[in-house]
Amino acid sequence: MATTKIGFTAPKISALECEPGKSQTIYWDSRTPNFGVRITPTGNKAFIFETSFNDKTLRITIGDVNIWAIDKAQSEARRLKVLTDQGIDPREQKADLKAKTMARKLKGIQGLEVWKDYIADRKDQWGERHLFDHNDMVKVGGGKFTRGLRPGQPKIRQPGILVSLLSLPINEITRDKVALWLKKEVLKRPTRARLALSLLKAFITWASDQPKYKALVDVNACDRLTRELPSKQAKDDCLQKEQLSLWFDGVRQINNPVISYYLQILLLTGARRNELSTLKWVDVDTQWHTALIRDKVEGNRKIPLTPYVELLLNNLKRVNKYVFPSPTAKSKHITEPRIAHKQAMETKGLPPLTLQGLRRSFGTLAEWTECPAGISAQIMGHKPSALVEKHYRKRPIDLLRQWHIKIEKFILDEAGIPQPKEGAKRLRVVNTK
């Protein structure tokens, strides 16, 4: 801290100048400790307060000398000194005061409005499916279903699961109200309630970090409520190699080739259902025969196009930018292949199998080829589970291709389907008109 001290008066302050060659000069008041005037080379002058706080220099600008009266600025410096002597950081106090002022203005703001801000702030960091789930949680509802109605399902579209809760003012969403909401929803849709509680907790955490909302939210609104959820049973559905012939026979008889090919490729790549349904033609490399999968773990991963998968892709028309298009879906890509898959399974007398079960089947069937677990996991996009996998395994695409072709051949052999020779039929551009 500089030692130049003068008794501050308006004429004296007006005559002060920044020392030549310096980025700023500070003059200290001889009557008020820790109170000074900072002058820049451009002539800007401001009252400041400076002290040692938590073993660091703390400097706060009080205000422009042309706006603040000297005595008022001196009083502010003394107030700041009292706070720091008590161990209070004036900057944090100012931020808290600002937040409380903002909270008073926003008191009563609906949770749905804050939810919109949350989505706008975070959507660039989310995948397509994650964004869809957030919007679906607060959909308005109303209107009749026109297709795909399941037995016992209401004919009118229901509001999103979080609408009733987020319709409350954000400051009224307390733990008691969240618990009551959860108790009701678990009885009707437990799986959806589990996801909704997870998204709500992330939303509350985000809001508690926002200056204008943090004084309004109950940060404990979702704490210890997962115990109210029914225990989640891990699914173990998986195709056995003896079932592959019937499965392929049923799936290949699906009238819609887009769904038929999608399901077969889902099994033969082990991809997640949404990773594959959102695959775009631009991500299919026709020269090097690879596909870029938008991965929820790594951001994206590159997998080889095996001969049979490449053959199926070759037979698909390029309707739009998506490899698996849908003329009726709002997203322009297939969104509900499960109905056709279920019907195919029932036709062949096979037990129920989810689309996640197809992914599980790939990993299980790969073991019959003695494929290293790390290679099948990399193809599937599993998060590395060991230090060596995380930091010391950078497998080239050709190594993945070698094993992926073996896995595909094993699956097709068990299904009684000949595997095309690699490179026998390359991808071609199909007229989209």
Protein backbone atom coordinates (compact mmCIF):
# COMPACT_ATOMS: atom_id res chain seq x y z
CA MET A 1 0.00 0.00 0.00
CA ALA A 2 1.38 3.43 -0.95
CA THR A 3 2.26 5.83 1.88
CA THR A 4 1.39 9.18 0.20
CA LYS A 5 -1.24 10.74 2.51
CA ILE A 6 -3.06 14.06 2.33
CA GLY A 7 -6.09 15.57 3.96
CA PHE A 8 -8.79 15.17 1.30
CA THR A 9 -10.62 18.28 0.17
CA ALA A 10 -12.35 18.93 -3.14
CA PRO A 11 -9.61 21.29 -4.44
CA LYS A 12 -6.81 18.93 -3.43
CA ILE A 13 -8.48 15.94 -5.10
CA SER A 14 -9.09 18.01 -8.22
CA ALA A 15 -5.36 18.84 -8.43
CA LEU A 16 -4.18 15.24 -8.07
CA GLU A 17 -2.66 13.53 -11.11
CA CYS A 18 -1.46 10.08 -12.06
CA GLU A 19 2.32 9.75 -11.84
CA PRO A 20 3.99 9.54 -15.29
CA GLY A 21 4.65 6.00 -16.55
CA LYS A 22 2.31 4.32 -14.07
CA SER A 23 -0.98 2.54 -14.79
CA GLN A 24 -2.53 4.13 -11.70
CA THR A 25 -1.63 6.19 -8.67
CA ILE A 26 -3.32 5.98 -5.27
CA TYR A 27 -3.38 8.81 -2.74
CA TRP A 28 -4.49 8.05 0.81
CA ASP A 29 -6.59 10.15 3.15
CA SER A 30 -4.71 11.23 6.27
CA ARG A 31 -7.90 11.30 8.34
CA THR A 32 -9.70 8.07 7.31
CA PRO A 33 -7.72 4.82 7.40
CA ASN A 34 -7.86 2.55 4.34
CA PHE A 35 -9.56 5.27 2.30
CA GLY A 36 -8.02 6.66 -0.88
CA VAL A 37 -8.38 8.09 -4.37
CA ARG A 38 -7.25 6.08 -7.38
CA ILE A 39 -6.23 8.03 -10.50
CA THR A 40 -5.60 6.53 -13.96
CA PRO A 41 -3.50 8.07 -16.77
CA THR A 42 -6.73 9.16 -18.49
CA GLY A 43 -7.66 11.28 -15.46
CA ASN A 44 -10.43 9.06 -14.07
CA LYS A 45 -10.63 9.40 -10.29
CA ALA A 46 -12.48 7.12 -7.89
CA PHE A 47 -12.72 6.69 -4.12
CA ILE A 48 -11.49 3.28 -2.97
CA PHE A 49 -11.27 1.19 0.18
CA GLU A 50 -8.30 -1.17 0.69
CA THR A 51 -7.36 -3.49 3.52
CA SER A 52 -5.89 -6.91 4.28
CA PHE A 53 -8.57 -9.60 4.46
CA ASN A 54 -7.86 -13.30 4.97
CA ASP A 55 -4.18 -12.63 4.34
CA LYS A 56 -4.93 -11.07 0.95
CA THR A 57 -5.31 -7.50 -0.25
CA LEU A 58 -8.95 -6.53 -0.60
CA ARG A 59 -9.68 -3.43 -2.69
CA ILE A 60 -13.20 -2.14 -3.32
CA THR A 61 -14.15 0.79 -5.53
CA ILE A 62 -16.59 3.04 -3.67
CA GLY A 63 -17.42 5.37 -6.55
CA ASP A 64 -16.53 8.26 -8.84
CA VAL A 65 -15.20 11.36 -7.04
CA ASN A 66 -17.55 13.52 -9.13
CA ILE A 67 -20.57 11.64 -7.77
CA TRP A 68 -19.67 10.78 -4.21
CA ALA A 69 -19.27 13.54 -1.60
CA ILE A 70 -16.04 13.17 0.38
CA ASP A 71 -17.78 12.72 3.74
CA LYS A 72 -20.17 10.10 2.32
CA ALA A 73 -17.29 8.17 0.78
CA GLN A 74 -15.38 8.35 4.08
CA SER A 75 -18.41 6.96 5.94
CA GLU A 76 -18.64 4.10 3.43
CA ALA A 77 -14.95 3.31 3.93
CA ARG A 78 -15.46 3.17 7.70
CA ARG A 79 -18.48 0.87 7.24
CA LEU A 80 -16.44 -1.46 5.07
CA LYS A 81 -13.66 -1.48 7.66
CA VAL A 82 -16.11 -2.52 10.38
CA LEU A 83 -17.30 -5.44 8.22
CA THR A 84 -13.82 -6.71 7.42
CA ASP A 85 -12.79 -6.44 11.08
CA GLN A 86 -15.76 -8.74 11.85
CA GLY A 87 -14.60 -11.26 9.24
CA ILE A 88 -17.34 -10.35 6.76
CA ASP A 89 -16.46 -10.03 3.08
CA PRO A 90 -18.23 -6.87 1.83
CA ARG A 91 -18.39 -8.31 -1.69
CA GLU A 92 -20.36 -11.32 -0.51
CA GLN A 93 -22.63 -9.14 1.56
CA LYS A 94 -23.32 -6.97 -1.46
CA ALA A 95 -24.06 -10.03 -3.61
CA ASP A 96 -26.43 -11.41 -0.96
CA LEU A 97 -28.21 -8.08 -0.69
CA LYS A 98 -28.56 -7.95 -4.46
CA ALA A 99 -29.91 -11.49 -4.52
CA LYS A 100 -32.46 -10.72 -1.82
CA THR A 101 -33.58 -7.60 -3.65
CA MET A 102 -33.94 -9.63 -6.82
CA ALA A 103 -35.80 -12.35 -4.90
CA ARG A 104 -38.33 -9.83 -3.62
CA LYS A 105 -38.97 -8.71 -7.20
CA LEU A 106 -39.25 -12.29 -8.47
CA LYS A 107 -41.24 -13.66 -5.54
CA GLY A 108 -44.21 -15.50 -6.98
CA ILE A 109 -42.56 -16.30 -10.31
CA GLN A 110 -43.87 -19.62 -11.58
CA GLY A 111 -41.56 -22.62 -11.55
CA LEU A 112 -42.35 -23.23 -15.22
CA GLU A 113 -40.84 -19.85 -16.13
CA VAL A 114 -37.64 -20.68 -14.30
CA TRP A 115 -37.64 -24.10 -16.00
CA LYS A 116 -37.64 -22.31 -19.38
CA ASP A 117 -34.59 -20.30 -18.32
CA TYR A 118 -32.93 -23.50 -17.18
CA ILE A 119 -33.45 -25.21 -20.53
CA ALA A 120 -32.27 -22.14 -22.46
CA ASP A 121 -29.10 -21.99 -20.35
CA ARG A 122 -28.24 -25.70 -20.47
CA LYS A 123 -29.62 -27.12 -23.75
CA ASP A 124 -26.40 -26.58 -25.70
CA GLN A 125 -24.71 -29.05 -23.35
CA TRP A 126 -27.43 -31.70 -23.67
CA GLY A 127 -28.11 -34.40 -26.19
CA GLU A 128 -31.29 -34.51 -28.25
CA ARG A 129 -32.96 -37.11 -26.04
CA HIS A 130 -32.08 -35.30 -22.81
CA LEU A 131 -33.58 -32.08 -24.18
CA PHE A 132 -36.69 -33.96 -25.29
CA ASP A 133 -37.15 -35.38 -21.78
CA HIS A 134 -36.96 -31.90 -20.23
CA ASN A 135 -39.58 -30.53 -22.63
CA ASP A 136 -41.76 -33.60 -22.21
CA MET A 137 -41.79 -33.16 -18.43
CA VAL A 138 -43.65 -29.84 -18.79
CA LYS A 139 -45.78 -30.44 -21.90
CA VAL A 140 -49.23 -28.87 -21.69
CA GLY A 141 -51.27 -31.97 -22.53
CA GLY A 142 -54.70 -32.11 -24.12
CA GLY A 143 -55.61 -33.33 -27.58
CA LYS A 144 -56.44 -36.90 -28.55
CA PHE A 145 -54.01 -39.65 -29.49
CA THR A 146 -54.33 -40.46 -33.18
CA ARG A 147 -52.20 -43.61 -33.23
CA GLY A 148 -50.13 -45.94 -31.08
CA LEU A 149 -52.71 -46.05 -28.26
CA ARG A 150 -51.98 -48.88 -25.85
CA PRO A 151 -54.68 -50.82 -23.93
CA GLY A 152 -55.75 -48.93 -20.81
CA GLN A 153 -53.95 -45.74 -21.91
CA PRO A 154 -56.00 -42.49 -21.61
CA LYS A 155 -57.26 -41.27 -24.96
CA ILE A 156 -56.39 -37.66 -24.09
CA ARG A 157 -52.74 -36.63 -23.88
CA GLN A 158 -51.82 -36.04 -20.25
CA PRO A 159 -49.81 -33.02 -19.04
CA GLY A 160 -46.13 -33.57 -18.33
CA ILE A 161 -45.33 -35.17 -15.01
CA LEU A 162 -43.77 -31.99 -13.57
CA VAL A 163 -46.47 -29.55 -14.69
CA SER A 164 -48.50 -29.69 -11.46
CA LEU A 165 -45.41 -29.08 -9.32
CA LEU A 166 -43.76 -26.41 -11.45
CA SER A 167 -47.04 -24.52 -11.81
CA LEU A 168 -46.42 -23.36 -8.23
CA PRO A 169 -44.35 -20.25 -7.51
CA ILE A 170 -40.72 -21.32 -7.38
CA ASN A 171 -40.42 -20.23 -3.72
CA GLU A 172 -43.31 -22.58 -2.79
CA ILE A 173 -41.70 -25.75 -4.17
CA THR A 174 -40.66 -27.18 -0.82
CA ARG A 175 -39.54 -30.64 0.19
CA ASP A 176 -42.99 -31.43 1.64
CA LYS A 177 -44.70 -30.56 -1.63
CA VAL A 178 -42.18 -32.49 -3.71
CA ALA A 179 -42.67 -35.51 -1.43
CA LEU A 180 -46.44 -35.31 -1.81
CA TRP A 181 -46.15 -34.99 -5.60
CA LEU A 182 -43.77 -37.95 -5.75
CA LYS A 183 -46.02 -40.14 -3.63
CA LYS A 184 -48.88 -39.66 -6.10
CA GLU A 185 -46.82 -40.07 -9.26
CA VAL A 186 -45.02 -43.22 -8.11
CA LEU A 187 -48.36 -45.02 -7.98
CA LYS A 188 -49.17 -44.10 -11.60
CA ARG A 189 -45.84 -44.05 -13.44
CA PRO A 190 -42.89 -45.09 -11.25
CA THR A 191 -40.27 -45.16 -14.00
CA ARG A 192 -41.19 -41.68 -15.20
CA ALA A 193 -41.29 -40.43 -11.62
CA ARG A 194 -37.73 -41.65 -11.07
CA LEU A 195 -36.47 -39.68 -14.08
CA ALA A 196 -38.55 -36.62 -13.18
CA LEU A 197 -37.13 -36.51 -9.65
CA SER A 198 -33.60 -36.70 -11.05
CA LEU A 199 -34.22 -33.86 -13.51
CA LEU A 200 -35.97 -31.79 -10.85
CA LYS A 201 -33.03 -32.16 -8.47
CA ALA A 202 -30.60 -30.98 -11.17
CA PHE A 203 -32.93 -28.05 -11.90
CA ILE A 204 -33.08 -27.02 -8.22
CA THR A 205 -29.29 -27.23 -7.98
CA TRP A 206 -28.94 -25.01 -11.05
CA ALA A 207 -31.43 -22.47 -9.72
CA SER A 208 -29.63 -22.32 -6.38
CA ASP A 209 -26.49 -21.21 -8.24
CA GLN A 210 -28.23 -18.40 -10.13
CA PRO A 211 -27.98 -14.98 -8.45
CA LYS A 212 -31.57 -14.05 -9.23
CA TYR A 213 -33.10 -17.36 -8.12
CA LYS A 214 -30.90 -18.70 -5.32
CA ALA A 215 -32.77 -16.82 -2.58
CA LEU A 216 -36.07 -18.26 -3.82
CA VAL A 217 -35.42 -21.98 -4.08
CA ASP A 218 -35.44 -24.62 -1.38
CA VAL A 219 -32.12 -26.31 -2.05
CA ASN A 220 -33.24 -29.31 0.02
CA ALA A 221 -36.48 -29.81 -1.92
CA CYS A 222 -35.39 -33.17 -3.36
CA ASP A 223 -33.09 -34.42 -0.61
CA ARG A 224 -33.48 -38.02 0.55
CA LEU A 225 -36.57 -38.62 -1.57
CA THR A 226 -35.13 -41.41 -3.69
CA ARG A 227 -35.99 -43.72 -0.80
CA GLU A 228 -39.65 -43.18 -1.73
CA LEU A 229 -39.05 -44.72 -5.15
CA PRO A 230 -39.59 -48.45 -5.67
CA SER A 231 -36.38 -50.40 -5.99
CA LYS A 232 -35.19 -50.46 -9.57
CA GLN A 233 -34.85 -53.98 -10.85
CA ALA A 234 -32.00 -54.47 -13.28
CA LYS A 235 -33.19 -55.98 -16.55
CA ASP A 236 -31.43 -58.99 -17.93
CA ASP A 237 -33.30 -59.62 -21.17
CA CYS A 238 -30.93 -60.90 -23.81
CA LEU A 239 -31.06 -62.93 -27.02
CA GLN A 240 -29.52 -66.37 -26.77
CA LYS A 241 -27.62 -67.62 -29.80
CA GLU A 242 -30.29 -70.33 -30.27
CA GLN A 243 -32.91 -67.58 -30.69
CA LEU A 244 -31.06 -65.58 -33.35
CA SER A 245 -32.56 -67.46 -36.31
CA LEU A 246 -36.14 -66.82 -35.14
CA TRP A 247 -35.37 -63.22 -34.20
CA PHE A 248 -33.86 -62.34 -37.59
CA ASP A 249 -36.68 -64.17 -39.36
CA GLY A 250 -39.28 -62.12 -37.50
CA VAL A 251 -37.51 -58.78 -37.83
CA ARG A 252 -36.75 -59.24 -41.53
CA GLN A 253 -40.48 -59.78 -42.15
CA ILE A 254 -41.38 -56.33 -40.78
CA ASN A 255 -43.04 -54.46 -43.65
CA ASN A 256 -41.26 -51.20 -42.91
CA PRO A 257 -37.66 -51.67 -44.13
CA VAL A 258 -36.42 -48.65 -42.14
CA ILE A 259 -37.53 -50.26 -38.86
CA SER A 260 -36.38 -53.70 -39.97
CA TYR A 261 -32.89 -52.49 -40.86
CA TYR A 262 -32.73 -50.30 -37.77
CA LEU A 263 -33.41 -53.23 -35.44
CA GLN A 264 -30.88 -55.47 -37.17
CA ILE A 265 -28.18 -52.79 -37.07
CA LEU A 266 -29.03 -52.07 -33.44
CA LEU A 267 -28.19 -55.68 -32.59
CA LEU A 268 -25.10 -55.83 -34.81
CA THR A 269 -23.52 -52.63 -33.45
CA GLY A 270 -24.62 -52.68 -29.80
CA ALA A 271 -25.48 -48.99 -30.09
CA ARG A 272 -27.92 -47.22 -27.81
CA ARG A 273 -31.35 -46.84 -29.41
CA ASN A 274 -31.23 -43.03 -29.65
CA GLU A 275 -27.64 -42.98 -30.86
CA LEU A 276 -28.68 -45.04 -33.86
CA SER A 277 -32.09 -43.47 -34.52
CA THR A 278 -30.46 -40.01 -34.79
CA LEU A 279 -27.60 -41.17 -37.03
CA LYS A 280 -27.20 -38.80 -40.00
CA TRP A 281 -25.92 -39.57 -43.48
CA VAL A 282 -23.19 -36.98 -43.01
CA ASP A 283 -21.80 -39.18 -40.22
CA VAL A 284 -21.55 -42.22 -42.51
CA ASP A 285 -18.14 -42.29 -44.18
CA THR A 286 -18.59 -44.05 -47.52
CA GLN A 287 -14.88 -44.01 -48.32
CA TRP A 288 -13.44 -45.53 -45.16
CA HIS A 289 -16.61 -47.41 -44.16
CA THR A 290 -17.07 -46.02 -40.69
CA ALA A 291 -19.89 -44.31 -38.81
CA LEU A 292 -19.63 -41.51 -36.28
CA ILE A 293 -21.97 -42.16 -33.37
CA ARG A 294 -23.08 -39.28 -31.16
CA ASP A 295 -22.07 -40.71 -27.81
CA LYS A 296 -23.47 -39.66 -24.42
CA VAL A 297 -20.20 -40.64 -22.70
CA GLU A 298 -17.39 -39.35 -24.92
CA GLY A 299 -19.36 -36.95 -27.14
CA ASN A 300 -18.90 -39.18 -30.19
CA ARG A 301 -17.19 -42.41 -31.16
CA LYS A 302 -16.25 -43.93 -34.49
CA ILE A 303 -17.22 -47.51 -35.27
CA PRO A 304 -16.52 -49.66 -38.35
CA LEU A 305 -19.25 -50.52 -40.85
CA THR A 306 -19.26 -54.30 -41.02
CA PRO A 307 -20.23 -56.01 -44.32
CA TYR A 308 -23.85 -56.89 -43.47
CA VAL A 309 -24.53 -53.54 -41.79
CA GLU A 310 -23.08 -51.79 -44.84
CA LEU A 311 -25.32 -53.88 -47.10
CA LEU A 312 -28.42 -52.83 -45.15
CA LEU A 313 -27.42 -49.17 -45.27
CA ASN A 314 -26.85 -49.50 -49.00
CA ASN A 315 -30.49 -50.46 -49.45
CA LEU A 316 -31.89 -47.46 -47.58
CA LYS A 317 -33.14 -44.43 -49.50
CA ARG A 318 -31.89 -40.99 -48.54
CA VAL A 319 -35.19 -39.34 -47.67
CA ASN A 320 -33.72 -36.62 -45.43
CA LYS A 321 -30.58 -36.06 -43.38
CA TYR A 322 -31.31 -39.03 -41.12
CA VAL A 323 -30.31 -42.57 -42.00
CA PHE A 324 -33.52 -43.92 -40.44
CA PRO A 325 -36.16 -41.38 -41.50
CA SER A 326 -39.79 -41.13 -40.47
CA PRO A 327 -42.28 -39.13 -42.57
CA THR A 328 -44.69 -38.75 -39.63
CA ALA A 329 -42.39 -38.04 -36.68
CA LYS A 330 -41.81 -34.43 -35.76
CA SER A 331 -38.11 -35.18 -35.34
CA LYS A 332 -37.96 -36.60 -38.91
CA HIS A 333 -36.31 -39.81 -37.67
CA ILE A 334 -37.83 -42.99 -36.26
CA THR A 335 -38.87 -42.69 -32.64
CA GLU A 336 -41.00 -45.74 -31.87
CA PRO A 337 -39.72 -49.02 -33.33
CA ARG A 338 -40.74 -50.98 -30.24
CA ILE A 339 -44.27 -51.80 -31.40
CA ALA A 340 -43.08 -53.48 -34.59
CA HIS A 341 -40.32 -55.24 -32.68
CA LYS A 342 -42.74 -56.56 -30.07
CA GLN A 343 -45.08 -57.88 -32.76
CA ALA A 344 -42.18 -59.63 -34.51
CA MET A 345 -41.13 -61.27 -31.24
CA GLU A 346 -44.67 -62.44 -30.49
CA THR A 347 -45.10 -63.81 -34.01
CA LYS A 348 -42.07 -66.06 -33.55
CA GLY A 349 -42.97 -67.04 -30.00
CA LEU A 350 -39.93 -65.36 -28.49
CA PRO A 351 -39.95 -63.92 -24.95
CA PRO A 352 -40.22 -60.13 -24.52
CA LEU A 353 -37.06 -58.25 -25.44
CA THR A 354 -36.42 -54.53 -25.04
CA LEU A 355 -34.29 -52.44 -27.39
CA GLN A 356 -31.79 -52.13 -24.55
CA GLY A 357 -31.86 -55.92 -24.52
CA LEU A 358 -30.52 -55.90 -28.09
CA ARG A 359 -27.57 -53.82 -26.90
CA ARG A 360 -27.08 -56.28 -24.05
CA SER A 361 -27.28 -59.13 -26.54
CA PHE A 362 -24.41 -57.70 -28.62
CA GLY A 363 -22.11 -57.56 -25.61
CA THR A 364 -23.06 -61.09 -24.54
CA LEU A 365 -22.83 -62.66 -27.99
CA ALA A 366 -19.44 -61.00 -28.54
CA GLU A 367 -18.01 -63.21 -25.81
CA TRP A 368 -18.61 -66.30 -27.99
CA THR A 369 -15.95 -64.98 -30.36
CA GLU A 370 -13.51 -64.50 -27.45
CA CYS A 371 -13.42 -60.81 -28.32
CA PRO A 372 -11.50 -58.79 -25.68
CA ALA A 373 -14.00 -57.08 -23.38
CA GLY A 374 -12.36 -53.71 -23.91
CA ILE A 375 -12.88 -53.89 -27.68
CA SER A 376 -16.59 -54.75 -27.52
CA ALA A 377 -17.03 -52.07 -24.85
CA GLN A 378 -15.36 -49.47 -27.09
CA ILE A 379 -17.61 -50.42 -30.02
CA MET A 380 -20.67 -50.12 -27.78
CA GLY A 381 -19.52 -46.85 -26.22
CA HIS A 382 -19.27 -48.09 -22.64
CA LYS A 383 -17.44 -45.83 -20.22
CA PRO A 384 -13.96 -47.27 -19.51
CA SER A 385 -14.00 -49.07 -16.17
CA ALA A 386 -10.29 -49.51 -15.50
CA LEU A 387 -7.24 -47.26 -15.36
CA VAL A 388 -5.59 -49.05 -18.29
CA GLU A 389 -8.70 -48.68 -20.46
CA LYS A 390 -9.00 -44.99 -19.60
CA HIS A 391 -5.44 -43.93 -20.28
CA TYR A 392 -3.49 -46.58 -22.15
CA ARG A 393 -5.79 -48.12 -24.77
CA LYS A 394 -6.16 -46.14 -28.01
CA ARG A 395 -7.31 -48.82 -30.44
CA PRO A 396 -7.24 -48.00 -34.17
CA ILE A 397 -10.42 -48.46 -36.17
CA ASP A 398 -8.90 -51.38 -38.11
CA LEU A 399 -8.44 -53.34 -34.90
CA LEU A 400 -12.07 -52.70 -33.97
CA ARG A 401 -13.10 -53.70 -37.49
CA GLN A 402 -11.24 -57.02 -37.27
CA TRP A 403 -13.15 -58.06 -34.16
CA HIS A 404 -16.45 -56.43 -35.15
CA ILE A 405 -16.54 -58.48 -38.37
CA LYS A 406 -15.96 -61.64 -36.33
CA ILE A 407 -18.82 -60.73 -34.00
CA GLU A 408 -21.14 -60.00 -36.91
CA LYS A 409 -20.18 -63.27 -38.65
CA PHE A 410 -20.88 -65.28 -35.50
CA ILE A 411 -24.32 -63.71 -35.09
CA LEU A 412 -25.23 -64.17 -38.77
CA ASP A 413 -23.95 -67.75 -38.82
CA GLU A 414 -26.17 -68.61 -35.86
CA ALA A 415 -29.08 -66.94 -37.66
CA GLY A 416 -28.36 -68.84 -40.88
CA ILE A 417 -27.60 -65.66 -42.85
CA PRO A 418 -24.50 -65.53 -45.05
CA GLN A 419 -22.19 -62.61 -44.31
CA PRO A 420 -21.38 -60.61 -47.46
CA LYS A 421 -17.74 -60.44 -48.38
CA GLU A 422 -16.16 -57.28 -47.03
CA GLY A 423 -16.16 -54.58 -49.69
CA ALA A 424 -18.28 -56.63 -52.10
CA LYS A 425 -20.99 -53.98 -52.26
CA ARG A 426 -20.11 -50.43 -51.35
CA LEU A 427 -22.45 -47.69 -50.25
CA ARG A 428 -23.97 -45.76 -53.10
CA VAL A 429 -25.88 -42.48 -53.27
CA VAL A 430 -29.60 -43.05 -53.79
CA ASN A 431 -31.78 -40.44 -55.45
CA THR A 432 -33.75 -38.69 -52.72
CA LYS A 433 -36.43 -37.29 -55.02
